């Protein structure tokens, strides 16, 4: 698991309740100006005294990345998430700074961003050029243990239809550099510009996946395996599947909810794979449209079913997701948590809805940053 190498020693694989880990990206902000601040290295240096290798820098100097260890239970995972965020927030405070979990920088002159000094990033800039201009964006990544890469690729096919629903649930980036974009997840659209990003293609096998990656590498589209930015990807070195489609959740409670849902999806999909179900082959234009709709409206409007093309309230798709996941969530012990928190989320609104509400009160982006600072270690959803 990218979140930690410990999974290499974990045996046997637990099909009913596989290990799960989370990576989160955060933004450092100045408490006076509320703008994104390029002081991530100082924050990471302090936080590492508590978190060790679980915290690190990211491509821009505004971002901090933190990651849990693999967990069997969601309660353990959420405890790690809260500890992780608390350590990062404390480190930032010691530097006179604050932390937020937002998919985009609410305020600040971050285009082009200040890039972290690392040889790999220099190679990436030479290859991708101005695509890096909008890299001050933050996602939430969930890693789920699977028995092998073959099944990881086949499971991916079953997860593709649910990616827009995950985007809608965790939408948390309506503002970008002081501007209200009118979208719930502006990060989703920004990230989709990359050549190997967005929903992964349908693959019939791991061999086909490796063949495509080989061709993309030969064509110099990829710098290395780390630049496979599809929203689902099997690890190149560990028996895990990474689902990386959403904005970083505003709170640790929402992040734990996301991880529980993703694991439920993986358990459900693996059962279908083992029964010989190849998964739906979606029309690319419908899946792309479903992404756009979810990124625009989050849970507040309608959603496109990428299998049928039918438009229905996003809340209905969430209800259908829960219905399909119920057996798996009972196996993992997460049914009550997911049921209660999904209901709660639809009452209090997504991170994007809460950002929009904070902005609407006085038309102040600074108010949004202040709300995000409070949310960073808040007990929302648990």
Protein backbone atom coordinates (compact mmCIF):
# COMPACT_ATOMS: atom_id res chain seq x y z
CA UNK A 1 0.00 0.00 0.00
CA UNK A 2 1.40 3.38 -0.93
CA UNK A 3 0.25 4.61 2.46
CA UNK A 4 2.85 2.32 4.00
CA UNK A 5 5.01 -0.61 2.99
CA UNK A 6 3.80 -2.60 6.00
CA UNK A 7 1.27 -4.41 3.84
CA UNK A 8 4.08 -6.40 2.23
CA UNK A 9 4.27 -8.40 5.45
CA UNK A 10 0.48 -8.79 5.86
CA UNK A 11 -0.84 -12.33 5.26
CA UNK A 12 -3.25 -13.79 4.60
CA UNK A 13 -5.48 -11.60 2.50
CA UNK A 14 -8.89 -11.02 4.12
CA UNK A 15 -11.48 -11.00 1.34
CA UNK A 16 -14.34 -10.04 3.69
CA UNK A 17 -12.54 -7.09 5.27
CA UNK A 18 -9.37 -6.11 3.38
CA UNK A 19 -6.94 -3.62 4.81
CA UNK A 20 -7.48 -0.01 3.85
CA UNK A 21 -5.32 3.11 4.04
CA UNK A 22 -5.76 6.77 3.15
CA UNK A 23 -3.52 9.49 1.74
CA UNK A 24 -4.59 13.12 2.07
CA UNK A 25 -3.19 16.33 0.62
CA UNK A 26 -3.62 19.61 2.51
CA UNK A 27 -2.85 23.28 1.89
CA UNK A 28 -0.86 25.56 4.18
CA UNK A 29 -2.45 29.00 4.68
CA UNK A 30 -1.39 32.28 6.22
CA UNK A 31 -3.80 33.14 9.08
CA UNK A 32 -3.60 36.87 8.34
CA UNK A 33 -4.08 36.96 4.57
CA UNK A 34 -5.84 33.55 4.37
CA UNK A 35 -3.81 32.91 1.22
CA UNK A 36 -2.04 29.65 0.44
CA UNK A 37 1.47 29.87 1.89
CA UNK A 38 4.58 28.20 0.41
CA UNK A 39 5.82 27.00 3.80
CA UNK A 40 5.04 23.29 3.55
CA UNK A 41 8.65 22.19 4.12
CA UNK A 42 8.73 23.85 7.55
CA UNK A 43 5.39 22.30 8.52
CA UNK A 44 6.49 18.84 7.37
CA UNK A 45 9.78 19.09 9.26
CA UNK A 46 7.89 19.76 12.51
CA UNK A 47 5.12 17.22 11.89
CA UNK A 48 7.65 14.49 11.09
CA UNK A 49 8.72 14.51 14.74
CA UNK A 50 5.32 12.94 15.48
CA UNK A 51 4.36 11.23 12.21
CA UNK A 52 7.73 10.19 10.80
CA UNK A 53 7.44 9.00 7.19
CA UNK A 54 3.66 9.35 7.32
CA UNK A 55 4.03 13.02 6.39
CA UNK A 56 5.86 14.62 3.48
CA UNK A 57 5.95 17.42 0.95
CA UNK A 58 4.16 17.41 -2.39
CA UNK A 59 4.84 18.87 -5.82
CA UNK A 60 4.06 22.46 -4.78
CA UNK A 61 5.39 24.28 -1.76
CA UNK A 62 1.84 24.97 -0.61
CA UNK A 63 0.94 21.32 -0.04
CA UNK A 64 1.49 18.76 2.70
CA UNK A 65 0.79 15.07 2.17
CA UNK A 66 -0.04 12.73 5.06
CA UNK A 67 -0.91 9.04 5.04
CA UNK A 68 -2.29 6.50 7.43
CA UNK A 69 -1.03 3.00 7.98
CA UNK A 70 -3.12 0.08 6.68
CA UNK A 71 -6.11 -0.53 8.94
CA UNK A 72 -8.55 -3.39 9.31
CA UNK A 73 -11.27 -1.34 11.01
CA UNK A 74 -12.72 2.02 10.08
CA UNK A 75 -12.62 3.19 13.71
CA UNK A 76 -8.86 2.59 13.76
CA UNK A 77 -8.51 4.37 10.42
CA UNK A 78 -10.46 7.39 11.61
CA UNK A 79 -8.38 7.55 14.78
CA UNK A 80 -5.24 7.66 12.63
CA UNK A 81 -6.75 10.34 10.39
CA UNK A 82 -7.60 12.53 13.39
CA UNK A 83 -4.15 12.04 14.93
CA UNK A 84 -2.53 12.78 11.58
CA UNK A 85 -4.47 15.99 11.05
CA UNK A 86 -3.92 17.10 14.64
CA UNK A 87 -0.16 16.65 14.28
CA UNK A 88 -0.06 18.59 11.01
CA UNK A 89 -2.27 21.38 12.41
CA UNK A 90 -0.09 21.65 15.51
CA UNK A 91 3.08 21.79 13.42
CA UNK A 92 1.58 24.54 11.27
CA UNK A 93 0.49 26.51 14.33
CA UNK A 94 4.03 26.33 15.70
CA UNK A 95 5.14 27.99 12.47
CA UNK A 96 2.45 30.66 12.76
CA UNK A 97 0.43 29.03 9.99
CA UNK A 98 -2.83 27.11 9.53
CA UNK A 99 -3.94 24.05 7.56
CA UNK A 100 -6.99 23.48 5.39
CA UNK A 101 -8.37 20.46 3.56
CA UNK A 102 -9.75 21.87 0.32
CA UNK A 103 -9.51 20.55 -3.22
CA UNK A 104 -8.31 23.94 -4.43
CA UNK A 105 -6.60 27.02 -3.03
CA UNK A 106 -9.39 29.38 -1.97
CA UNK A 107 -7.10 32.42 -1.92
CA UNK A 108 -3.60 33.15 -3.10
CA UNK A 109 -1.51 33.81 -6.18
CA UNK A 110 -0.71 30.17 -6.90
CA UNK A 111 -0.63 30.22 -10.72
CA UNK A 112 2.00 29.22 -11.59
CA UNK A 113 2.81 27.56 -8.28
CA UNK A 114 6.11 27.45 -6.46
CA UNK A 115 7.39 23.93 -7.13
CA UNK A 116 9.19 21.81 -4.54
CA UNK A 117 12.86 21.31 -5.36
CA UNK A 118 13.17 17.70 -6.52
CA UNK A 119 14.76 16.24 -9.69
CA UNK A 120 11.62 14.26 -10.56
CA UNK A 121 9.50 17.40 -10.60
CA UNK A 122 11.95 19.06 -12.96
CA UNK A 123 11.56 16.18 -15.41
CA UNK A 124 7.80 16.44 -15.10
CA UNK A 125 7.78 20.17 -15.83
CA UNK A 126 9.94 19.63 -18.91
CA UNK A 127 7.45 17.04 -20.14
CA UNK A 128 4.09 18.50 -19.12
CA UNK A 129 4.94 22.22 -19.12
CA UNK A 130 2.11 24.55 -18.12
CA UNK A 131 -0.11 21.70 -16.95
CA UNK A 132 1.67 22.26 -13.64
CA UNK A 133 0.17 25.74 -13.38
CA UNK A 134 -2.92 24.38 -11.61
CA UNK A 135 -1.17 21.83 -9.39
CA UNK A 136 -2.05 23.54 -6.11
CA UNK A 137 -4.92 21.09 -5.77
CA UNK A 138 -5.55 18.42 -3.19
CA UNK A 139 -7.12 14.97 -3.42
CA UNK A 140 -8.02 12.12 -1.13
CA UNK A 141 -6.64 8.70 -2.05
CA UNK A 142 -7.91 5.37 -0.70
CA UNK A 143 -5.78 2.21 -0.97
CA UNK A 144 -7.42 -1.20 -0.61
CA UNK A 145 -5.58 -4.51 -0.24
CA UNK A 146 -6.28 -7.05 -3.01
CA UNK A 147 -4.79 -10.50 -3.58
CA UNK A 148 -3.03 -9.70 -6.88
CA UNK A 149 -2.76 -7.20 -9.73
CA UNK A 150 -4.91 -9.28 -12.07
CA UNK A 151 -7.91 -8.99 -9.81
CA UNK A 152 -7.07 -5.37 -9.03
CA UNK A 153 -7.44 -4.50 -12.72
CA UNK A 154 -10.66 -6.47 -13.08
CA UNK A 155 -12.12 -4.88 -9.93
CA UNK A 156 -11.35 -1.48 -11.46
CA UNK A 157 -13.80 -2.19 -14.29
CA UNK A 158 -16.64 -2.58 -11.77
CA UNK A 159 -15.74 0.62 -9.91
CA UNK A 160 -15.79 2.90 -12.95
CA UNK A 161 -19.58 3.54 -12.94
CA UNK A 162 -19.44 4.77 -9.34
CA UNK A 163 -16.63 7.29 -9.78
CA UNK A 164 -18.99 10.23 -10.50
CA UNK A 165 -20.96 9.44 -7.34
CA UNK A 166 -17.76 9.54 -5.29
CA UNK A 167 -16.88 12.89 -6.87
CA UNK A 168 -20.29 14.27 -5.89
CA UNK A 169 -20.13 12.94 -2.33
CA UNK A 170 -16.73 14.43 -1.54
CA UNK A 171 -16.89 17.58 -3.69
CA UNK A 172 -14.86 20.20 -1.84
CA UNK A 173 -13.44 22.77 -4.26
CA UNK A 174 -15.93 25.42 -5.39
CA UNK A 175 -13.53 28.37 -5.13
CA UNK A 176 -10.27 28.86 -7.01
CA UNK A 177 -7.90 31.71 -6.14
CA UNK A 178 -10.69 33.95 -4.83
CA UNK A 179 -13.18 33.17 -7.60
CA UNK A 180 -16.42 31.24 -7.21
CA UNK A 181 -16.22 28.78 -10.10
CA UNK A 182 -19.87 27.72 -9.98
CA UNK A 183 -18.70 24.13 -9.64
CA UNK A 184 -18.72 21.86 -6.60
CA UNK A 185 -15.42 20.23 -7.59
CA UNK A 186 -13.27 22.50 -9.71
CA UNK A 187 -10.30 20.26 -8.94
CA UNK A 188 -11.91 17.44 -10.91
CA UNK A 189 -12.01 19.53 -14.08
CA UNK A 190 -8.54 20.95 -13.57
CA UNK A 191 -7.04 17.50 -13.00
CA UNK A 192 -8.74 16.07 -16.08
CA UNK A 193 -6.44 18.03 -18.40
CA UNK A 194 -3.55 15.61 -17.90
CA UNK A 195 -2.90 13.04 -20.64
CA UNK A 196 -3.33 9.99 -18.37
CA UNK A 197 -5.97 11.19 -15.93
CA UNK A 198 -9.67 10.83 -15.27
CA UNK A 199 -11.46 7.47 -15.35
CA UNK A 200 -9.24 4.58 -16.41
CA UNK A 201 -10.07 2.66 -19.57
CA UNK A 202 -11.73 -0.75 -19.41
CA UNK A 203 -9.06 -3.46 -19.28
CA UNK A 204 -9.71 -7.16 -19.86
CA UNK A 205 -6.60 -8.20 -17.91
CA UNK A 206 -3.50 -7.01 -16.14
CA UNK A 207 -1.54 -7.96 -19.23
CA UNK A 208 -3.59 -5.55 -21.33
CA UNK A 209 -3.13 -2.85 -18.69
CA UNK A 210 0.65 -3.38 -18.73
CA UNK A 211 0.69 -3.32 -22.53
CA UNK A 212 -1.05 0.06 -22.63
CA UNK A 213 1.24 1.46 -19.93
CA UNK A 214 4.22 0.20 -21.91
CA UNK A 215 3.06 1.99 -25.03
CA UNK A 216 2.39 5.21 -23.12
CA UNK A 217 5.89 5.00 -21.63
CA UNK A 218 7.47 4.39 -25.05
CA UNK A 219 5.57 7.38 -26.40
CA UNK A 220 7.02 9.48 -23.53
CA UNK A 221 3.55 10.37 -22.29
CA UNK A 222 4.54 9.04 -18.86
CA UNK A 223 7.59 10.15 -16.91
CA UNK A 224 7.35 7.13 -14.59
CA UNK A 225 4.61 4.94 -13.04
CA UNK A 226 3.85 7.76 -10.61
CA UNK A 227 2.48 9.82 -13.52
CA UNK A 228 -0.29 7.32 -14.21
CA UNK A 229 -2.94 9.68 -12.92
CA UNK A 230 -6.04 7.64 -13.69
CA UNK A 231 -8.61 7.83 -10.92
CA UNK A 232 -8.16 4.12 -10.24
CA UNK A 233 -4.79 2.44 -10.55
CA UNK A 234 -3.21 -0.78 -9.30
CA UNK A 235 0.04 -0.36 -7.46
CA UNK A 236 3.13 -1.16 -9.51
CA UNK A 237 4.80 -2.86 -6.53
CA UNK A 238 2.18 -3.76 -3.90
CA UNK A 239 -1.04 -5.85 -3.92
CA UNK A 240 -3.33 -2.83 -3.67
CA UNK A 241 -5.76 -0.78 -5.70
CA UNK A 242 -5.73 3.00 -5.33
CA UNK A 243 -8.92 5.00 -5.82
CA UNK A 244 -7.92 8.66 -6.20
CA UNK A 245 -10.95 10.33 -7.74
CA UNK A 246 -12.15 12.74 -5.04
CA UNK A 247 -11.24 16.10 -3.62
CA UNK A 248 -9.59 15.83 -0.21
CA UNK A 249 -12.49 15.57 2.26
CA UNK A 250 -12.93 18.60 4.51
CA UNK A 251 -12.94 16.53 7.72
CA UNK A 252 -11.44 13.32 9.04
CA UNK A 253 -14.95 11.95 9.52
CA UNK A 254 -15.74 12.41 5.83
CA UNK A 255 -12.42 10.84 4.90
CA UNK A 256 -13.25 7.76 6.99
CA UNK A 257 -16.68 7.62 5.33
CA UNK A 258 -15.06 7.72 1.90
CA UNK A 259 -12.67 4.91 2.83
CA UNK A 260 -15.51 2.73 4.13
CA UNK A 261 -17.51 3.25 0.92
CA UNK A 262 -14.52 2.57 -1.33
CA UNK A 263 -13.66 -0.62 0.54
CA UNK A 264 -17.30 -1.70 0.25
CA UNK A 265 -17.14 -1.08 -3.49
CA UNK A 266 -13.96 -3.13 -3.79
CA UNK A 267 -15.36 -6.05 -1.76
CA UNK A 268 -18.54 -6.00 -3.85
CA UNK A 269 -16.61 -5.82 -7.11
CA UNK A 270 -14.23 -8.61 -6.15
CA UNK A 271 -17.16 -10.91 -5.47
CA UNK A 272 -18.46 -10.23 -8.97
CA UNK A 273 -15.03 -10.78 -10.49
CA UNK A 274 -14.74 -14.14 -8.73
CA UNK A 275 -18.13 -15.12 -10.23
CA UNK A 276 -16.84 -14.34 -13.73
CA UNK A 277 -18.64 -11.00 -14.18
CA UNK A 278 -16.45 -8.83 -16.47
CA UNK A 279 -18.14 -5.58 -15.46
CA UNK A 280 -19.95 -3.03 -17.63
CA UNK A 281 -18.26 -1.58 -20.69
CA UNK A 282 -19.28 2.06 -20.49
CA UNK A 283 -19.54 4.56 -23.30
CA UNK A 284 -16.70 7.01 -22.73
CA UNK A 285 -18.82 10.05 -23.57
CA UNK A 286 -21.43 9.11 -20.94
CA UNK A 287 -18.81 8.60 -18.25
CA UNK A 288 -17.17 11.91 -19.14
CA UNK A 289 -20.54 13.67 -18.99
CA UNK A 290 -21.29 12.04 -15.64
CA UNK A 291 -17.96 13.33 -14.31
CA UNK A 292 -18.80 16.85 -15.46
CA UNK A 293 -22.28 16.76 -13.95
CA UNK A 294 -20.97 15.48 -10.61
CA UNK A 295 -18.19 18.06 -10.56
CA UNK A 296 -20.63 20.87 -11.34
CA UNK A 297 -23.49 20.07 -8.95
CA UNK A 298 -22.15 17.67 -6.32
CA UNK A 299 -25.08 16.27 -4.35
CA UNK A 300 -27.22 19.36 -4.92
CA UNK A 301 -28.63 18.49 -8.33
CA UNK A 302 -29.17 15.68 -10.76
CA UNK A 303 -26.65 13.03 -11.72
CA UNK A 304 -26.04 11.09 -14.93
CA UNK A 305 -25.97 7.31 -14.68
CA UNK A 306 -22.92 6.44 -16.83
CA UNK A 307 -24.35 2.98 -17.57
CA UNK A 308 -27.77 4.06 -18.86
CA UNK A 309 -27.33 7.78 -19.47
CA UNK A 310 -30.44 8.43 -17.36
CA UNK A 311 -30.65 11.65 -15.38
CA UNK A 312 -31.91 11.39 -11.79
CA UNK A 313 -31.40 13.21 -8.48
CA UNK A 314 -27.92 12.63 -7.09
CA UNK A 315 -29.53 11.54 -3.83
CA UNK A 316 -31.16 8.61 -5.66
CA UNK A 317 -27.78 7.44 -6.94
CA UNK A 318 -26.40 7.63 -3.41
CA UNK A 319 -29.32 5.53 -2.19
CA UNK A 320 -28.65 2.98 -4.94
CA UNK A 321 -24.97 2.91 -4.02
CA UNK A 322 -25.87 2.12 -0.43
CA UNK A 323 -28.30 -0.57 -1.52
CA UNK A 324 -25.69 -2.33 -3.63
CA UNK A 325 -23.01 -2.04 -0.94
CA UNK A 326 -25.15 -3.24 1.96
CA UNK A 327 -23.93 -6.90 1.97
CA UNK A 328 -20.27 -5.83 1.73
CA UNK A 329 -20.67 -3.17 4.42
CA UNK A 330 -22.21 -5.76 6.72
CA UNK A 331 -19.11 -7.93 6.17
CA UNK A 332 -16.70 -5.09 6.88
CA UNK A 333 -18.72 -3.87 9.87
CA UNK A 334 -19.25 -0.44 8.30
CA UNK A 335 -22.98 -0.51 7.50
CA UNK A 336 -24.12 1.62 10.44
CA UNK A 337 -21.32 4.14 10.00
CA UNK A 338 -21.92 4.57 6.27
CA UNK A 339 -25.71 4.71 6.58
CA UNK A 340 -25.65 7.29 9.36
CA UNK A 341 -22.94 9.45 7.86
CA UNK A 342 -24.43 9.49 4.38
CA UNK A 343 -27.70 10.67 5.89
CA UNK A 344 -25.86 13.28 7.93
CA UNK A 345 -23.86 14.46 4.91
CA UNK A 346 -27.04 15.10 2.95
CA UNK A 347 -28.30 17.25 5.86
CA UNK A 348 -25.20 19.37 6.50
CA UNK A 349 -24.07 19.40 2.86
CA UNK A 350 -20.83 18.40 1.20
CA UNK A 351 -17.60 20.25 1.78
CA UNK A 352 -18.37 22.25 -1.36
CA UNK A 353 -21.84 23.17 -0.12
CA UNK A 354 -20.41 24.30 3.20
CA UNK A 355 -17.74 26.37 1.46
CA UNK A 356 -20.42 27.95 -0.72
CA UNK A 357 -22.57 28.72 2.32
CA UNK A 358 -19.64 30.37 4.13
CA UNK A 359 -18.94 32.44 1.02
CA UNK A 360 -22.58 33.47 0.57
CA UNK A 361 -22.91 35.05 4.01
CA UNK A 362 -20.74 38.07 3.21
CA UNK A 363 -19.25 37.27 -0.18
CA UNK A 364 -15.91 36.75 1.57
CA UNK A 365 -13.43 34.10 0.48
CA UNK A 366 -11.54 34.76 3.72
CA UNK A 367 -14.59 33.50 5.60
CA UNK A 368 -14.35 30.27 3.61
CA UNK A 369 -10.74 29.79 4.65
CA UNK A 370 -11.65 30.41 8.29
CA UNK A 371 -14.41 27.78 8.05
CA UNK A 372 -11.99 25.31 6.47
CA UNK A 373 -9.46 25.88 9.24
CA UNK A 374 -12.17 25.05 11.78
CA UNK A 375 -13.28 22.00 9.78
CA UNK A 376 -9.75 20.62 9.51
CA UNK A 377 -9.87 19.08 12.98
CA UNK A 378 -13.64 19.22 13.48
CA UNK A 379 -15.89 16.37 14.61
CA UNK A 380 -18.32 16.71 11.71
CA UNK A 381 -19.81 13.36 10.72
CA UNK A 382 -18.49 11.59 13.74
